[in-house]
Amino acid sequence: MHVNKHQHPESQLHIECINLKYMTVSGNVIQSKTISNQPLKPSHFGVSQSYVAIRGDDKNIAVIDRKLNQPVARLPNSQNVNCIALKPKNEEMMVTVGNDNVISVWCSRDKKMRDTQYLSQFAYA
């Protein structure tokens, strides 16, 4: 996963999947409106076969369908999210960890990430 801000206007986020073995672009390229004005760290987004989930400056998580190249969900959080992980074999599940000391497990009701809700939350110290 490569986030490239140098070739595109600041109002765009450009994500490419790079095959490191062959050094070629593989899969769809995602371009979207600005989601975050802050530098993204690898833990600030999660990637699966079908989706990319990215933390936004507004404390929400944007879930983008890689095939449609469109956002399909915007998930609210009370604080900034520090880590996002999508489950590779069960793509409708996602785990997030944020500044609110809560681990959130998300599950999509329609299995397309469009109708996503909390499955459970765990507070940690």
N, C-alpha and C. Protein backbone atom coordinates (compact mmCIF):
# COMPACT_ATOMS: atom_id res chain seq x y z
N MET A 1 0.85 -1.17 0.00
CA MET A 1 0.00 0.00 0.00
C MET A 1 0.89 1.22 0.00
N HIS A 2 0.60 2.13 -0.88
CA HIS A 2 1.41 3.33 -1.03
C HIS A 2 0.47 4.53 -1.06
N VAL A 3 0.68 5.48 -0.18
CA VAL A 3 -0.12 6.70 -0.18
C VAL A 3 0.72 7.77 -0.86
N ASN A 4 0.22 8.31 -1.95
CA ASN A 4 0.98 9.24 -2.76
C ASN A 4 0.29 10.59 -2.77
N LYS A 5 0.88 11.59 -2.11
CA LYS A 5 0.31 12.93 -2.08
C LYS A 5 1.05 13.88 -3.01
N HIS A 6 2.18 13.48 -3.54
CA HIS A 6 3.01 14.40 -4.31
C HIS A 6 2.51 14.60 -5.74
N GLN A 7 1.85 13.63 -6.33
CA GLN A 7 1.42 13.75 -7.71
C GLN A 7 -0.01 14.23 -7.84
N HIS A 8 -0.69 14.45 -6.75
CA HIS A 8 -2.10 14.80 -6.80
C HIS A 8 -2.35 16.01 -5.92
N PRO A 9 -3.40 16.78 -6.22
CA PRO A 9 -3.70 17.95 -5.40
C PRO A 9 -3.98 17.55 -3.95
N GLU A 10 -3.81 18.49 -3.06
CA GLU A 10 -4.03 18.24 -1.64
C GLU A 10 -5.46 17.77 -1.35
N SER A 11 -6.40 18.09 -2.24
CA SER A 11 -7.79 17.70 -2.02
C SER A 11 -8.05 16.24 -2.39
N GLN A 12 -7.02 15.53 -2.84
CA GLN A 12 -7.19 14.15 -3.27
C GLN A 12 -6.33 13.21 -2.43
N LEU A 13 -6.83 12.02 -2.20
CA LEU A 13 -6.06 10.94 -1.61
C LEU A 13 -5.90 9.90 -2.70
N HIS A 14 -4.69 9.49 -2.96
CA HIS A 14 -4.40 8.55 -4.05
C HIS A 14 -3.72 7.33 -3.43
N ILE A 15 -4.34 6.17 -3.54
CA ILE A 15 -3.80 4.95 -2.95
C ILE A 15 -3.57 3.93 -4.05
N GLU A 16 -2.38 3.36 -4.10
CA GLU A 16 -2.06 2.31 -5.05
C GLU A 16 -1.59 1.08 -4.29
N CYS A 17 -1.93 -0.10 -4.78
CA CYS A 17 -1.41 -1.34 -4.23
C CYS A 17 -0.20 -1.74 -5.06
N ILE A 18 0.94 -1.90 -4.41
CA ILE A 18 2.19 -2.22 -5.09
C ILE A 18 2.59 -3.66 -4.80
N ASN A 19 2.85 -4.44 -5.84
CA ASN A 19 3.39 -5.78 -5.69
C ASN A 19 4.89 -5.62 -5.47
N LEU A 20 5.36 -5.83 -4.25
CA LEU A 20 6.76 -5.59 -3.91
C LEU A 20 7.71 -6.60 -4.55
N LYS A 21 7.22 -7.78 -4.87
CA LYS A 21 8.07 -8.78 -5.51
C LYS A 21 8.42 -8.35 -6.93
N TYR A 22 7.43 -7.85 -7.68
CA TYR A 22 7.65 -7.47 -9.07
C TYR A 22 7.71 -5.96 -9.28
N MET A 23 7.50 -5.20 -8.20
CA MET A 23 7.52 -3.73 -8.24
C MET A 23 6.57 -3.19 -9.31
N THR A 24 5.35 -3.71 -9.31
CA THR A 24 4.32 -3.26 -10.24
C THR A 24 3.08 -2.86 -9.46
N VAL A 25 2.26 -2.01 -10.06
CA VAL A 25 0.98 -1.64 -9.45
C VAL A 25 0.03 -2.81 -9.68
N SER A 26 -0.61 -3.26 -8.62
CA SER A 26 -1.57 -4.36 -8.74
C SER A 26 -2.88 -3.93 -8.11
N GLY A 27 -3.96 -4.38 -8.67
CA GLY A 27 -5.27 -4.03 -8.15
C GLY A 27 -5.70 -2.65 -8.57
N ASN A 28 -6.81 -2.22 -8.02
CA ASN A 28 -7.37 -0.92 -8.36
C ASN A 28 -6.64 0.20 -7.66
N VAL A 29 -6.58 1.33 -8.31
CA VAL A 29 -6.06 2.56 -7.70
C VAL A 29 -7.26 3.30 -7.14
N ILE A 30 -7.14 3.79 -5.93
CA ILE A 30 -8.25 4.49 -5.29
C ILE A 30 -7.92 5.96 -5.20
N GLN A 31 -8.82 6.78 -5.68
CA GLN A 31 -8.70 8.22 -5.52
C GLN A 31 -9.96 8.70 -4.83
N SER A 32 -9.82 9.56 -3.88
CA SER A 32 -10.97 10.02 -3.10
C SER A 32 -10.75 11.45 -2.68
N LYS A 33 -11.84 12.09 -2.25
CA LYS A 33 -11.72 13.42 -1.67
C LYS A 33 -10.91 13.32 -0.39
N THR A 34 -10.44 14.43 0.11
CA THR A 34 -9.63 14.45 1.32
C THR A 34 -10.35 13.77 2.47
N ILE A 35 -9.68 12.86 3.10
CA ILE A 35 -10.20 12.19 4.28
C ILE A 35 -9.41 12.66 5.50
N SER A 36 -8.13 12.85 5.31
CA SER A 36 -7.27 13.28 6.41
C SER A 36 -6.24 14.26 5.89
N ASN A 37 -6.08 15.38 6.58
CA ASN A 37 -5.04 16.34 6.23
C ASN A 37 -3.73 16.03 6.94
N GLN A 38 -3.77 15.09 7.89
CA GLN A 38 -2.59 14.70 8.64
C GLN A 38 -1.88 13.56 7.90
N PRO A 39 -0.56 13.43 8.09
CA PRO A 39 0.14 12.30 7.48
C PRO A 39 -0.44 10.98 7.98
N LEU A 40 -0.66 10.04 7.08
CA LEU A 40 -1.20 8.74 7.46
C LEU A 40 -0.07 7.78 7.79
N LYS A 41 -0.23 7.05 8.88
CA LYS A 41 0.69 5.98 9.24
C LYS A 41 0.04 4.67 8.78
N PRO A 42 0.83 3.61 8.60
CA PRO A 42 0.23 2.34 8.18
C PRO A 42 -0.90 1.86 9.09
N SER A 43 -0.85 2.19 10.37
CA SER A 43 -1.90 1.76 11.29
C SER A 43 -3.18 2.57 11.15
N HIS A 44 -3.15 3.67 10.40
CA HIS A 44 -4.33 4.53 10.24
C HIS A 44 -5.27 4.05 9.15
N PHE A 45 -4.92 2.98 8.47
CA PHE A 45 -5.84 2.42 7.49
C PHE A 45 -5.71 0.91 7.46
N GLY A 46 -6.78 0.26 7.07
CA GLY A 46 -6.80 -1.19 6.94
C GLY A 46 -7.20 -1.55 5.52
N VAL A 47 -6.68 -2.66 5.02
CA VAL A 47 -6.94 -3.05 3.64
C VAL A 47 -7.33 -4.52 3.61
N SER A 48 -8.34 -4.83 2.81
CA SER A 48 -8.70 -6.21 2.52
C SER A 48 -8.88 -6.34 1.01
N GLN A 49 -9.28 -7.51 0.57
CA GLN A 49 -9.48 -7.75 -0.87
C GLN A 49 -10.48 -6.75 -1.46
N SER A 50 -11.54 -6.42 -0.72
CA SER A 50 -12.62 -5.60 -1.26
C SER A 50 -12.69 -4.19 -0.72
N TYR A 51 -12.07 -3.92 0.44
CA TYR A 51 -12.27 -2.63 1.10
C TYR A 51 -10.96 -1.99 1.57
N VAL A 52 -11.01 -0.67 1.69
CA VAL A 52 -9.98 0.10 2.37
C VAL A 52 -10.70 0.91 3.43
N ALA A 53 -10.25 0.85 4.66
CA ALA A 53 -10.81 1.65 5.75
C ALA A 53 -9.75 2.65 6.19
N ILE A 54 -10.12 3.94 6.24
CA ILE A 54 -9.17 5.00 6.54
C ILE A 54 -9.72 5.89 7.64
N ARG A 55 -8.87 6.25 8.60
CA ARG A 55 -9.31 7.17 9.64
C ARG A 55 -9.34 8.58 9.07
N GLY A 56 -10.31 9.35 9.50
CA GLY A 56 -10.42 10.73 9.04
C GLY A 56 -10.10 11.71 10.15
N ASP A 57 -9.88 12.97 9.78
CA ASP A 57 -9.63 14.01 10.78
C ASP A 57 -10.85 14.27 11.65
N ASP A 58 -12.04 13.90 11.16
CA ASP A 58 -13.29 14.15 11.88
C ASP A 58 -13.63 13.03 12.87
N LYS A 59 -12.66 12.15 13.18
CA LYS A 59 -12.80 11.03 14.12
C LYS A 59 -13.61 9.88 13.54
N ASN A 60 -14.07 10.00 12.30
CA ASN A 60 -14.82 8.93 11.65
C ASN A 60 -13.88 8.04 10.85
N ILE A 61 -14.37 6.85 10.52
CA ILE A 61 -13.66 5.94 9.64
C ILE A 61 -14.43 5.88 8.33
N ALA A 62 -13.74 6.11 7.23
CA ALA A 62 -14.35 5.97 5.90
C ALA A 62 -14.00 4.59 5.37
N VAL A 63 -15.02 3.85 4.93
CA VAL A 63 -14.81 2.55 4.31
C VAL A 63 -15.08 2.71 2.82
N ILE A 64 -14.08 2.36 2.01
CA ILE A 64 -14.17 2.53 0.56
C ILE A 64 -14.18 1.17 -0.11
N ASP A 65 -15.14 0.96 -1.00
CA ASP A 65 -15.20 -0.26 -1.79
C ASP A 65 -14.16 -0.16 -2.90
N ARG A 66 -13.21 -1.08 -2.94
CA ARG A 66 -12.11 -1.01 -3.90
C ARG A 66 -12.57 -1.24 -5.33
N LYS A 67 -13.61 -2.07 -5.52
CA LYS A 67 -14.09 -2.33 -6.89
C LYS A 67 -14.90 -1.16 -7.42
N LEU A 68 -15.73 -0.58 -6.57
CA LEU A 68 -16.56 0.56 -6.99
C LEU A 68 -15.80 1.87 -6.93
N ASN A 69 -14.69 1.90 -6.17
CA ASN A 69 -13.91 3.11 -5.95
C ASN A 69 -14.78 4.21 -5.34
N GLN A 70 -15.66 3.78 -4.42
CA GLN A 70 -16.60 4.69 -3.78
C GLN A 70 -16.67 4.41 -2.28
N PRO A 71 -16.89 5.46 -1.47
CA PRO A 71 -17.13 5.22 -0.05
C PRO A 71 -18.47 4.51 0.15
N VAL A 72 -18.50 3.52 1.02
CA VAL A 72 -19.74 2.79 1.30
C VAL A 72 -20.19 2.94 2.74
N ALA A 73 -19.32 3.43 3.61
CA ALA A 73 -19.70 3.62 5.02
C ALA A 73 -18.83 4.69 5.66
N ARG A 74 -19.42 5.38 6.62
CA ARG A 74 -18.70 6.35 7.45
C ARG A 74 -19.06 5.99 8.89
N LEU A 75 -18.07 5.54 9.65
CA LEU A 75 -18.31 5.01 10.99
C LEU A 75 -17.83 5.99 12.04
N PRO A 76 -18.71 6.37 12.98
CA PRO A 76 -18.37 7.38 13.99
C PRO A 76 -17.53 6.82 15.13
N ASN A 77 -16.69 7.67 15.68
CA ASN A 77 -15.89 7.36 16.87
C ASN A 77 -15.88 8.57 17.77
N SER A 78 -15.72 8.35 19.07
CA SER A 78 -15.70 9.48 20.00
C SER A 78 -14.33 10.17 20.03
N GLN A 79 -13.27 9.45 19.68
CA GLN A 79 -11.91 10.00 19.65
C GLN A 79 -11.23 9.55 18.35
N ASN A 80 -10.04 10.06 18.10
CA ASN A 80 -9.28 9.64 16.93
C ASN A 80 -8.94 8.16 17.00
N VAL A 81 -8.94 7.52 15.84
CA VAL A 81 -8.61 6.10 15.73
C VAL A 81 -7.12 5.97 15.43
N ASN A 82 -6.45 5.06 16.14
CA ASN A 82 -5.01 4.86 15.96
C ASN A 82 -4.67 3.62 15.16
N CYS A 83 -5.59 2.66 15.11
CA CYS A 83 -5.29 1.42 14.40
C CYS A 83 -6.59 0.83 13.84
N ILE A 84 -6.51 0.34 12.60
CA ILE A 84 -7.66 -0.28 11.93
C ILE A 84 -7.19 -1.61 11.34
N ALA A 85 -7.99 -2.65 11.54
CA ALA A 85 -7.67 -3.95 10.93
C ALA A 85 -8.95 -4.56 10.37
N LEU A 86 -8.92 -4.91 9.09
CA LEU A 86 -10.02 -5.63 8.46
C LEU A 86 -9.68 -7.12 8.48
N LYS A 87 -10.68 -7.95 8.74
CA LYS A 87 -10.45 -9.39 8.78
C LYS A 87 -10.38 -9.92 7.34
N PRO A 88 -9.25 -10.50 6.93
CA PRO A 88 -9.07 -10.90 5.53
C PRO A 88 -10.09 -11.91 5.01
N LYS A 89 -10.44 -12.91 5.80
CA LYS A 89 -11.35 -13.95 5.30
C LYS A 89 -12.81 -13.68 5.62
N ASN A 90 -13.08 -12.67 6.41
CA ASN A 90 -14.44 -12.30 6.78
C ASN A 90 -14.51 -10.79 6.68
N GLU A 91 -14.56 -10.27 5.46
CA GLU A 91 -14.34 -8.85 5.21
C GLU A 91 -15.38 -7.93 5.82
N GLU A 92 -16.50 -8.48 6.27
CA GLU A 92 -17.49 -7.60 6.87
C GLU A 92 -17.19 -7.33 8.34
N MET A 93 -16.05 -7.79 8.84
CA MET A 93 -15.65 -7.51 10.22
C MET A 93 -14.40 -6.64 10.24
N MET A 94 -14.36 -5.73 11.23
CA MET A 94 -13.24 -4.80 11.36
C MET A 94 -13.03 -4.52 12.84
N VAL A 95 -11.78 -4.30 13.22
CA VAL A 95 -11.43 -3.93 14.60
C VAL A 95 -10.73 -2.58 14.56
N THR A 96 -11.12 -1.68 15.48
CA THR A 96 -10.46 -0.37 15.59
C THR A 96 -10.05 -0.13 17.03
N VAL A 97 -8.97 0.63 17.20
CA VAL A 97 -8.49 1.04 18.52
C VAL A 97 -8.24 2.54 18.45
N GLY A 98 -8.72 3.26 19.48
CA GLY A 98 -8.58 4.71 19.42
C GLY A 98 -8.07 5.33 20.70
N ASN A 99 -8.01 6.66 20.69
CA ASN A 99 -7.55 7.42 21.86
C ASN A 99 -8.50 7.33 23.04
N ASP A 100 -9.70 6.81 22.83
CA ASP A 100 -10.67 6.67 23.93
C ASP A 100 -10.45 5.40 24.73
N ASN A 101 -9.33 4.68 24.47
CA ASN A 101 -9.00 3.44 25.17
C ASN A 101 -10.06 2.37 24.99
N VAL A 102 -10.66 2.32 23.80
CA VAL A 102 -11.69 1.34 23.49
C VAL A 102 -11.28 0.56 22.25
N ILE A 103 -11.40 -0.77 22.34
CA ILE A 103 -11.24 -1.63 21.18
C ILE A 103 -12.64 -1.91 20.66
N SER A 104 -12.92 -1.52 19.43
CA SER A 104 -14.25 -1.71 18.85
C SER A 104 -14.19 -2.79 17.78
N VAL A 105 -15.15 -3.72 17.84
CA VAL A 105 -15.30 -4.74 16.82
C VAL A 105 -16.55 -4.38 16.03
N TRP A 106 -16.38 -4.18 14.73
CA TRP A 106 -17.47 -3.76 13.85
C TRP A 106 -17.90 -4.94 12.99
N CYS A 107 -19.20 -5.01 12.69
CA CYS A 107 -19.71 -6.06 11.83
C CYS A 107 -20.77 -5.47 10.91
N SER A 108 -20.73 -5.81 9.64
CA SER A 108 -21.70 -5.34 8.67
C SER A 108 -22.89 -6.29 8.64
N ARG A 109 -24.09 -5.74 8.75
CA ARG A 109 -25.30 -6.57 8.71
C ARG A 109 -25.56 -7.11 7.32
N ASP A 110 -25.28 -6.31 6.29
CA ASP A 110 -25.59 -6.74 4.92
C ASP A 110 -24.39 -7.35 4.20
N LYS A 111 -23.29 -7.54 4.92
CA LYS A 111 -22.06 -8.14 4.38
C LYS A 111 -21.47 -7.33 3.24
N LYS A 112 -21.85 -6.06 3.12
CA LYS A 112 -21.28 -5.19 2.10
C LYS A 112 -20.75 -3.91 2.74
N MET A 113 -20.58 -3.90 4.04
CA MET A 113 -20.05 -2.78 4.82
C MET A 113 -20.94 -1.54 4.76
N ARG A 114 -22.11 -1.64 4.11
CA ARG A 114 -22.98 -0.46 4.01
C ARG A 114 -23.78 -0.24 5.29
N ASP A 115 -24.12 -1.31 5.97
CA ASP A 115 -24.93 -1.22 7.18
C ASP A 115 -24.11 -1.79 8.32
N THR A 116 -23.13 -1.02 8.76
CA THR A 116 -22.16 -1.50 9.74
C THR A 116 -22.51 -0.99 11.13
N GLN A 117 -22.35 -1.84 12.12
CA GLN A 117 -22.64 -1.48 13.50
C GLN A 117 -21.57 -2.05 14.42
N TYR A 118 -21.56 -1.55 15.66
CA TYR A 118 -20.67 -2.13 16.66
C TYR A 118 -21.13 -3.54 16.96
N LEU A 119 -20.23 -4.47 16.97
CA LEU A 119 -20.54 -5.80 17.44
C LEU A 119 -20.26 -5.86 18.93
N SER A 120 -19.13 -5.29 19.34
CA SER A 120 -18.81 -5.20 20.76
C SER A 120 -17.69 -4.19 20.96
N GLN A 121 -17.56 -3.74 22.20
CA GLN A 121 -16.48 -2.82 22.57
C GLN A 121 -15.86 -3.30 23.87
N PHE A 122 -14.55 -3.10 23.97
CA PHE A 122 -13.82 -3.46 25.18
C PHE A 122 -12.97 -2.26 25.59
N ALA A 123 -13.10 -1.85 26.83
CA ALA A 123 -12.26 -0.75 27.34
C ALA A 123 -10.97 -1.35 27.89
N TYR A 124 -9.89 -0.64 27.71
CA TYR A 124 -8.61 -1.07 28.26
C TYR A 124 -7.93 0.12 28.91
N ALA A 125 -6.99 -0.17 29.80
CA ALA A 125 -6.32 0.92 30.53
C ALA A 125 -4.99 1.24 29.94
